[in-house]
């Protein structure tokens, strides 16, 4: 029985309709056309002479930003963004390779101790939320990727990693299709533990936001994967069934 049916059965039609309306409203807000409209309305509120050029740039780069504060930040660093997008490095590294999420700023120059850092821009003064919207790769303070497979001793593997003094910076068991559980904590923890030997765990491979999350891991580092005989994995999975009701 669905949650809506349970609400109808327990509380009546009025509460069931309210529950359904909230779900529909949330889904509409997540649609690209709704976000594009919201971004355009915020652009109209933006107090900046280049606001329509900002809007045109964001549409061209397929960036949807629905925060006025973030749009104001992008307007302030508009010249740096244009300089980067018109550079040969951007062309070769992102356009020629058909990268699905090209960044609006040069990620190398966002590292403060790089050879040619931005004067007033760095990973430290860009929030995780804005960095996600600008398609910025994760800060390059990680040293290992763990491709985690369920039913293959991953719990013991995680303990082994911890005993080795490796800092696993993200919750690899976050099942929700939500950037809050993937990109945001990684971004924040990498900046907080720059000098540690950091590991990023990748687990939920099929979610849409996770595809972008993986695309924004661009540092060339080793990767490890815990594997097991497939029949043994199936036997292990059967022992952990919560219900015999199988969805198609």
C-alpha atoms as a PDB file:
ATOM      1  CA  UNK A   1       0.000   0.000   0.000  1.00  0.00           C
ATOM      2  CA  UNK A   2       1.356   3.414  -0.966  1.00  0.00           C
ATOM      3  CA  UNK A   3       1.896   6.198   1.533  1.00  0.00           C
ATOM      4  CA  UNK A   4      -0.949   8.207  -0.030  1.00  0.00           C
ATOM      5  CA  UNK A   5      -3.331   5.271   0.380  1.00  0.00           C
ATOM      6  CA  UNK A   6      -2.303   4.875   4.000  1.00  0.00           C
ATOM      7  CA  UNK A   7      -2.930   8.587   4.655  1.00  0.00           C
ATOM      8  CA  UNK A   8      -6.339   8.343   2.967  1.00  0.00           C
ATOM      9  CA  UNK A   9      -7.275   5.291   5.005  1.00  0.00           C
ATOM     10  CA  UNK A  10      -6.162   6.822   8.297  1.00  0.00           C
ATOM     11  CA  UNK A  11      -6.902  10.549   7.948  1.00  0.00           C
ATOM     12  CA  UNK A  12      -9.319  10.915   5.037  1.00  0.00           C
ATOM     13  CA  UNK A  13      -9.473  12.400   1.527  1.00  0.00           C
ATOM     14  CA  UNK A  14      -8.440  15.965   2.486  1.00  0.00           C
ATOM     15  CA  UNK A  15      -5.064  14.931   3.888  1.00  0.00           C
ATOM     16  CA  UNK A  16      -4.470  12.467   1.045  1.00  0.00           C
ATOM     17  CA  UNK A  17      -5.017  15.238  -1.543  1.00  0.00           C
ATOM     18  CA  UNK A  18      -2.691  17.573   0.393  1.00  0.00           C
ATOM     19  CA  UNK A  19       0.008  14.883   0.443  1.00  0.00           C
ATOM     20  CA  UNK A  20      -0.376  14.292  -3.290  1.00  0.00           C
ATOM     21  CA  UNK A  21      -0.271  18.034  -4.038  1.00  0.00           C
ATOM     22  CA  UNK A  22       3.004  18.422  -2.129  1.00  0.00           C
ATOM     23  CA  UNK A  23       4.554  15.567  -4.101  1.00  0.00           C
ATOM     24  CA  UNK A  24       3.456  17.068  -7.428  1.00  0.00           C
ATOM     25  CA  UNK A  25       4.739  20.520  -6.428  1.00  0.00           C
ATOM     26  CA  UNK A  26       8.130  19.085  -5.468  1.00  0.00           C
ATOM     27  CA  UNK A  27       8.404  17.193  -8.750  1.00  0.00           C
ATOM     28  CA  UNK A  28       7.525  20.285 -10.787  1.00  0.00           C
ATOM     29  CA  UNK A  29      10.187  22.329  -8.959  1.00  0.00           C
ATOM     30  CA  UNK A  30      12.791  19.725  -9.885  1.00  0.00           C
ATOM     31  CA  UNK A  31      11.944  19.872 -13.605  1.00  0.00           C
ATOM     32  CA  UNK A  32      14.475  21.748 -15.782  1.00  0.00           C
ATOM     33  CA  UNK A  33      11.829  24.036 -17.325  1.00  0.00           C
ATOM     34  CA  UNK A  34      10.711  25.165 -13.855  1.00  0.00           C
ATOM     35  CA  UNK A  35      14.297  25.816 -12.777  1.00  0.00           C
ATOM     36  CA  UNK A  36      14.982  27.753 -15.989  1.00  0.00           C
ATOM     37  CA  UNK A  37      11.958  29.944 -15.348  1.00  0.00           C
ATOM     38  CA  UNK A  38      12.980  30.497 -11.740  1.00  0.00           C
ATOM     39  CA  UNK A  39      16.510  31.438 -12.813  1.00  0.00           C
ATOM     40  CA  UNK A  40      15.172  33.960 -15.352  1.00  0.00           C
ATOM     41  CA  UNK A  41      12.936  35.583 -12.719  1.00  0.00           C
ATOM     42  CA  UNK A  42      15.911  35.872 -10.370  1.00  0.00           C
ATOM     43  CA  UNK A  43      18.014  37.392 -13.164  1.00  0.00           C
ATOM     44  CA  UNK A  44      15.400  40.153 -13.473  1.00  0.00           C
ATOM     45  CA  UNK A  45      15.932  40.926  -9.781  1.00  0.00           C
ATOM     46  CA  UNK A  46      19.715  40.979 -10.160  1.00  0.00           C
ATOM     47  CA  UNK A  47      21.173  44.466  -9.728  1.00  0.00           C
ATOM     48  CA  UNK A  48      23.997  44.196 -12.242  1.00  0.00           C
ATOM     49  CA  UNK A  49      24.593  45.771 -15.649  1.00  0.00           C
ATOM     50  CA  UNK A  50      25.591  42.437 -17.224  1.00  0.00           C
ATOM     51  CA  UNK A  51      22.734  40.371 -15.825  1.00  0.00           C
ATOM     52  CA  UNK A  52      21.359  39.323 -19.219  1.00  0.00           C
ATOM     53  CA  UNK A  53      24.826  38.342 -20.410  1.00  0.00           C
ATOM     54  CA  UNK A  54      25.103  36.259 -17.242  1.00  0.00           C
ATOM     55  CA  UNK A  55      21.788  34.581 -18.063  1.00  0.00           C
ATOM     56  CA  UNK A  56      22.856  33.902 -21.654  1.00  0.00           C
ATOM     57  CA  UNK A  57      26.150  32.420 -20.479  1.00  0.00           C
ATOM     58  CA  UNK A  58      24.480  30.128 -17.945  1.00  0.00           C
ATOM     59  CA  UNK A  59      21.945  28.874 -20.496  1.00  0.00           C
ATOM     60  CA  UNK A  60      24.711  28.207 -23.010  1.00  0.00           C
ATOM     61  CA  UNK A  61      26.664  26.197 -20.416  1.00  0.00           C
ATOM     62  CA  UNK A  62      23.506  24.343 -19.267  1.00  0.00           C
ATOM     63  CA  UNK A  63      23.843  25.665 -15.728  1.00  0.00           C
ATOM     64  CA  UNK A  64      20.662  26.060 -13.685  1.00  0.00           C
ATOM     65  CA  UNK A  65      21.125  28.373 -10.700  1.00  0.00           C
ATOM     66  CA  UNK A  66      18.107  29.130  -8.552  1.00  0.00           C
ATOM     67  CA  UNK A  67      19.722  31.221  -5.834  1.00  0.00           C
ATOM     68  CA  UNK A  68      19.941  35.009  -6.118  1.00  0.00           C
ATOM     69  CA  UNK A  69      23.026  35.016  -3.883  1.00  0.00           C
ATOM     70  CA  UNK A  70      24.801  32.606  -6.234  1.00  0.00           C
ATOM     71  CA  UNK A  71      23.817  34.640  -9.302  1.00  0.00           C
ATOM     72  CA  UNK A  72      25.262  37.746  -7.662  1.00  0.00           C
ATOM     73  CA  UNK A  73      28.544  35.901  -7.083  1.00  0.00           C
ATOM     74  CA  UNK A  74      28.702  34.794 -10.730  1.00  0.00           C
ATOM     75  CA  UNK A  75      27.995  38.342 -11.899  1.00  0.00           C
ATOM     76  CA  UNK A  76      30.895  39.625  -9.773  1.00  0.00           C
ATOM     77  CA  UNK A  77      33.366  37.172 -11.316  1.00  0.00           C
ATOM     78  CA  UNK A  78      31.868  37.383 -14.820  1.00  0.00           C
ATOM     79  CA  UNK A  79      35.126  38.557 -16.427  1.00  0.00           C
ATOM     80  CA  UNK A  80      37.093  35.639 -14.955  1.00  0.00           C
ATOM     81  CA  UNK A  81      34.450  33.209 -16.213  1.00  0.00           C
ATOM     82  CA  UNK A  82      34.504  34.632 -19.758  1.00  0.00           C
ATOM     83  CA  UNK A  83      38.303  34.577 -19.826  1.00  0.00           C
ATOM     84  CA  UNK A  84      38.290  30.902 -18.834  1.00  0.00           C
ATOM     85  CA  UNK A  85      35.522  29.819 -21.218  1.00  0.00           C
ATOM     86  CA  UNK A  86      37.313  31.455 -24.148  1.00  0.00           C
ATOM     87  CA  UNK A  87      40.699  29.948 -23.288  1.00  0.00           C
ATOM     88  CA  UNK A  88      42.502  27.262 -25.285  1.00  0.00           C
ATOM     89  CA  UNK A  89      42.827  25.114 -22.168  1.00  0.00           C
ATOM     90  CA  UNK A  90      39.045  25.030 -21.659  1.00  0.00           C
ATOM     91  CA  UNK A  91      38.521  24.180 -25.330  1.00  0.00           C
ATOM     92  CA  UNK A  92      40.983  21.277 -25.289  1.00  0.00           C
ATOM     93  CA  UNK A  93      40.185  19.882 -21.861  1.00  0.00           C
ATOM     94  CA  UNK A  94      36.389  20.135 -21.804  1.00  0.00           C
ATOM     95  CA  UNK A  95      34.834  20.980 -25.177  1.00  0.00           C
ATOM     96  CA  UNK A  96      36.998  18.760 -27.386  1.00  0.00           C
ATOM     97  CA  UNK A  97      36.485  15.834 -25.001  1.00  0.00           C
ATOM     98  CA  UNK A  98      32.707  16.404 -24.722  1.00  0.00           C
ATOM     99  CA  UNK A  99      32.888  16.642 -20.950  1.00  0.00           C
ATOM    100  CA  UNK A 100      29.288  16.552 -19.638  1.00  0.00           C
ATOM    101  CA  UNK A 101      29.867  19.144 -16.892  1.00  0.00           C
ATOM    102  CA  UNK A 102      32.474  21.769 -17.898  1.00  0.00           C
ATOM    103  CA  UNK A 103      33.322  24.112 -14.991  1.00  0.00           C
ATOM    104  CA  UNK A 104      32.694  27.859 -15.129  1.00  0.00           C
ATOM    105  CA  UNK A 105      36.075  28.612 -13.547  1.00  0.00           C
ATOM    106  CA  UNK A 106      39.541  27.133 -14.004  1.00  0.00           C
ATOM    107  CA  UNK A 107      39.761  24.534 -11.192  1.00  0.00           C
ATOM    108  CA  UNK A 108      43.570  24.617 -11.184  1.00  0.00           C
ATOM    109  CA  UNK A 109      43.590  28.331 -10.406  1.00  0.00           C
ATOM    110  CA  UNK A 110      41.119  27.835  -7.541  1.00  0.00           C
ATOM    111  CA  UNK A 111      43.856  26.059  -5.563  1.00  0.00           C
ATOM    112  CA  UNK A 112      45.584  28.735  -3.494  1.00  0.00           C
ATOM    113  CA  UNK A 113      49.073  27.233  -3.694  1.00  0.00           C
ATOM    114  CA  UNK A 114      48.930  26.662  -7.468  1.00  0.00           C
ATOM    115  CA  UNK A 115      51.322  28.379  -9.868  1.00  0.00           C
ATOM    116  CA  UNK A 116      48.801  30.943 -11.094  1.00  0.00           C
ATOM    117  CA  UNK A 117      45.919  31.237  -8.594  1.00  0.00           C
ATOM    118  CA  UNK A 118      43.022  33.661  -8.928  1.00  0.00           C
ATOM    119  CA  UNK A 119      43.561  36.860  -6.973  1.00  0.00           C
ATOM    120  CA  UNK A 120      40.286  36.746  -5.053  1.00  0.00           C
ATOM    121  CA  UNK A 121      38.808  33.342  -5.887  1.00  0.00           C
ATOM    122  CA  UNK A 122      39.521  29.939  -4.372  1.00  0.00           C
ATOM    123  CA  UNK A 123      37.774  26.769  -3.312  1.00  0.00           C
ATOM    124  CA  UNK A 124      37.741  28.139   0.232  1.00  0.00           C
ATOM    125  CA  UNK A 125      35.488  31.107  -0.589  1.00  0.00           C
ATOM    126  CA  UNK A 126      33.064  29.175  -2.821  1.00  0.00           C
ATOM    127  CA  UNK A 127      30.354  27.214  -1.040  1.00  0.00           C
ATOM    128  CA  UNK A 128      29.694  23.560  -1.874  1.00  0.00           C
ATOM    129  CA  UNK A 129      26.227  24.483  -3.153  1.00  0.00           C
ATOM    130  CA  UNK A 130      27.582  27.091  -5.569  1.00  0.00           C
ATOM    131  CA  UNK A 131      30.474  24.854  -6.620  1.00  0.00           C
ATOM    132  CA  UNK A 132      27.973  22.137  -7.593  1.00  0.00           C
ATOM    133  CA  UNK A 133      25.957  24.576  -9.683  1.00  0.00           C
ATOM    134  CA  UNK A 134      29.131  25.875 -11.370  1.00  0.00           C
ATOM    135  CA  UNK A 135      30.270  22.303 -12.173  1.00  0.00           C
ATOM    136  CA  UNK A 136      33.505  22.713 -10.234  1.00  0.00           C
ATOM    137  CA  UNK A 137      35.484  19.488  -9.756  1.00  0.00           C
ATOM    138  CA  UNK A 138      36.036  18.430  -6.157  1.00  0.00           C
ATOM    139  CA  UNK A 139      39.036  20.093  -4.470  1.00  0.00           C
ATOM    140  CA  UNK A 140      42.103  17.988  -5.386  1.00  0.00           C
ATOM    141  CA  UNK A 141      42.921  16.888  -1.847  1.00  0.00           C
ATOM    142  CA  UNK A 142      42.102  13.178  -2.231  1.00  0.00           C
ATOM    143  CA  UNK A 143      44.464  10.291  -2.902  1.00  0.00           C
ATOM    144  CA  UNK A 144      42.331   7.201  -3.462  1.00  0.00           C
ATOM    145  CA  UNK A 145      38.940   6.119  -4.874  1.00  0.00           C
ATOM    146  CA  UNK A 146      37.044   3.148  -3.434  1.00  0.00           C
ATOM    147  CA  UNK A 147      34.537   1.490  -5.781  1.00  0.00           C
ATOM    148  CA  UNK A 148      32.435  -0.146  -3.080  1.00  0.00           C
ATOM    149  CA  UNK A 149      30.389  -3.264  -3.874  1.00  0.00           C
ATOM    150  CA  UNK A 150      27.737  -4.610  -1.518  1.00  0.00           C
ATOM    151  CA  UNK A 151      27.917  -8.247  -0.486  1.00  0.00           C
ATOM    152  CA  UNK A 152      31.672  -8.365  -1.006  1.00  0.00           C
ATOM    153  CA  UNK A 153      33.005  -7.791   2.485  1.00  0.00           C
ATOM    154  CA  UNK A 154      32.642  -4.023   2.241  1.00  0.00           C
ATOM    155  CA  UNK A 155      32.091  -3.587   5.999  1.00  0.00           C
ATOM    156  CA  UNK A 156      35.323  -5.408   6.826  1.00  0.00           C
ATOM    157  CA  UNK A 157      37.043  -3.557   3.994  1.00  0.00           C
ATOM    158  CA  UNK A 158      35.918  -0.247   5.494  1.00  0.00           C
ATOM    159  CA  UNK A 159      37.349  -1.188   8.894  1.00  0.00           C
ATOM    160  CA  UNK A 160      40.617  -2.201   7.243  1.00  0.00           C
ATOM    161  CA  UNK A 161      40.816   1.183   5.498  1.00  0.00           C
ATOM    162  CA  UNK A 162      40.261   2.942   8.818  1.00  0.00           C
ATOM    163  CA  UNK A 163      42.984   0.877  10.536  1.00  0.00           C
ATOM    164  CA  UNK A 164      45.363   1.908   7.753  1.00  0.00           C
ATOM    165  CA  UNK A 165      44.888   5.543   8.784  1.00  0.00           C
ATOM    166  CA  UNK A 166      43.031   6.444   5.589  1.00  0.00           C
ATOM    167  CA  UNK A 167      40.400   9.166   5.969  1.00  0.00           C
ATOM    168  CA  UNK A 168      37.131   8.163   4.227  1.00  0.00           C
ATOM    169  CA  UNK A 169      35.488  11.527   3.741  1.00  0.00           C
ATOM    170  CA  UNK A 170      31.986  10.642   2.523  1.00  0.00           C
ATOM    171  CA  UNK A 171      29.077   8.427   3.522  1.00  0.00           C
ATOM    172  CA  UNK A 172      29.189   5.793   0.801  1.00  0.00           C
ATOM    173  CA  UNK A 173      25.909   4.239   1.956  1.00  0.00           C
ATOM    174  CA  UNK A 174      23.787   7.336   1.168  1.00  0.00           C
ATOM    175  CA  UNK A 175      21.123   5.822  -1.075  1.00  0.00           C
ATOM    176  CA  UNK A 176      19.132   8.967  -1.783  1.00  0.00           C
ATOM    177  CA  UNK A 177      19.429  10.562  -5.211  1.00  0.00           C
ATOM    178  CA  UNK A 178      20.548  13.799  -3.631  1.00  0.00           C
ATOM    179  CA  UNK A 179      23.686  15.863  -4.097  1.00  0.00           C
ATOM    180  CA  UNK A 180      23.519  16.804  -0.401  1.00  0.00           C
ATOM    181  CA  UNK A 181      24.637  13.280   0.473  1.00  0.00           C
ATOM    182  CA  UNK A 182      27.318  13.011  -2.209  1.00  0.00           C
ATOM    183  CA  UNK A 183      29.077  16.147  -3.408  1.00  0.00           C
ATOM    184  CA  UNK A 184      28.502  18.570  -0.524  1.00  0.00           C
ATOM    185  CA  UNK A 185      30.145  16.543   2.300  1.00  0.00           C
ATOM    186  CA  UNK A 186      33.061  15.558   0.061  1.00  0.00           C
ATOM    187  CA  UNK A 187      33.688  19.176  -0.894  1.00  0.00           C
ATOM    188  CA  UNK A 188      33.573  20.374   2.709  1.00  0.00           C
ATOM    189  CA  UNK A 189      35.611  17.526   4.177  1.00  0.00           C
ATOM    190  CA  UNK A 190      38.341  17.782   1.548  1.00  0.00           C
ATOM    191  CA  UNK A 191      38.858  21.443   2.418  1.00  0.00           C
ATOM    192  CA  UNK A 192      38.838  20.620   6.141  1.00  0.00           C
ATOM    193  CA  UNK A 193      41.382  17.766   5.807  1.00  0.00           C
ATOM    194  CA  UNK A 194      43.787  18.929   3.105  1.00  0.00           C
ATOM    195  CA  UNK A 195      46.822  17.273   4.684  1.00  0.00           C
ATOM    196  CA  UNK A 196      45.223  13.858   5.312  1.00  0.00           C
ATOM    197  CA  UNK A 197      45.332  10.790   3.082  1.00  0.00           C
ATOM    198  CA  UNK A 198      41.745  11.074   1.874  1.00  0.00           C
ATOM    199  CA  UNK A 199      39.556   8.473   0.201  1.00  0.00           C
ATOM    200  CA  UNK A 200      36.301   8.993  -1.720  1.00  0.00           C
ATOM    201  CA  UNK A 201      33.909   6.035  -1.680  1.00  0.00           C
ATOM    202  CA  UNK A 202      31.624   5.520  -4.682  1.00  0.00           C
ATOM    203  CA  UNK A 203      28.618   3.288  -4.126  1.00  0.00           C
ATOM    204  CA  UNK A 204      25.243   4.286  -5.618  1.00  0.00           C
ATOM    205  CA  UNK A 205      26.202   4.204  -9.293  1.00  0.00           C
ATOM    206  CA  UNK A 206      22.751   4.467 -10.903  1.00  0.00           C
ATOM    207  CA  UNK A 207      21.392   7.785  -9.626  1.00  0.00           C
ATOM    208  CA  UNK A 208      21.366  10.875 -11.839  1.00  0.00           C
ATOM    209  CA  UNK A 209      23.078  13.186  -9.330  1.00  0.00           C
ATOM    210  CA  UNK A 210      25.693  10.491  -8.715  1.00  0.00           C
ATOM    211  CA  UNK A 211      26.605  10.527 -12.404  1.00  0.00           C
ATOM    212  CA  UNK A 212      27.461  14.200 -12.097  1.00  0.00           C
ATOM    213  CA  UNK A 213      29.231  13.548  -8.787  1.00  0.00           C
ATOM    214  CA  UNK A 214      31.499  10.983 -10.481  1.00  0.00           C
ATOM    215  CA  UNK A 215      32.146  13.333 -13.417  1.00  0.00           C
ATOM    216  CA  UNK A 216      33.401  15.976 -10.975  1.00  0.00           C
ATOM    217  CA  UNK A 217      36.069  13.621  -9.605  1.00  0.00           C
ATOM    218  CA  UNK A 218      38.813  14.451 -12.089  1.00  0.00           C
ATOM    219  CA  UNK A 219      42.102  13.961 -10.244  1.00  0.00           C
ATOM    220  CA  UNK A 220      44.257  11.116 -11.561  1.00  0.00           C
ATOM    221  CA  UNK A 221      44.515   8.845  -8.494  1.00  0.00           C
ATOM    222  CA  UNK A 222      44.468   5.053  -7.926  1.00  0.00           C
ATOM    223  CA  UNK A 223      41.152   3.256  -7.450  1.00  0.00           C
ATOM    224  CA  UNK A 224      40.408   0.057  -5.538  1.00  0.00           C
ATOM    225  CA  UNK A 225      37.385  -2.230  -5.735  1.00  0.00           C
ATOM    226  CA  UNK A 226      36.352  -5.023  -3.356  1.00  0.00           C
ATOM    227  CA  UNK A 227      35.077  -8.012  -5.341  1.00  0.00           C
ATOM    228  CA  UNK A 228      33.727 -11.488  -4.594  1.00  0.00           C
ATOM    229  CA  UNK A 229      32.508 -14.581  -6.414  1.00  0.00           C
ATOM    230  CA  UNK A 230      29.109 -13.675  -7.902  1.00  0.00           C
ATOM    231  CA  UNK A 231      27.335 -16.809  -6.592  1.00  0.00           C
ATOM    232  CA  UNK A 232      28.594 -16.023  -3.104  1.00  0.00           C
ATOM    233  CA  UNK A 233      27.294 -12.465  -3.483  1.00  0.00           C
ATOM    234  CA  UNK A 234      23.838 -13.791  -4.408  1.00  0.00           C
ATOM    235  CA  UNK A 235      23.819 -16.156  -1.416  1.00  0.00           C
ATOM    236  CA  UNK A 236      24.837 -13.259   0.814  1.00  0.00           C
ATOM    237  CA  UNK A 237      22.068 -11.077  -0.632  1.00  0.00           C
ATOM    238  CA  UNK A 238      19.390 -13.731  -0.047  1.00  0.00           C
ATOM    239  CA  UNK A 239      20.367 -13.837   3.623  1.00  0.00           C
ATOM    240  CA  UNK A 240      19.682 -10.103   3.874  1.00  0.00           C
ATOM    241  CA  UNK A 241      16.259  -9.938   2.214  1.00  0.00           C
ATOM    242  CA  UNK A 242      13.787  -7.786   4.122  1.00  0.00           C
ATOM    243  CA  UNK A 243      10.816  -9.144   2.191  1.00  0.00           C
ATOM    244  CA  UNK A 244       9.964 -11.781  -0.385  1.00  0.00           C
ATOM    245  CA  UNK A 245       7.973  -9.213  -2.363  1.00  0.00           C
ATOM    246  CA  UNK A 246      10.053  -8.430  -5.439  1.00  0.00           C
ATOM    247  CA  UNK A 247       9.444  -5.327  -7.542  1.00  0.00           C
ATOM    248  CA  UNK A 248       9.771  -5.654 -11.343  1.00  0.00           C
END
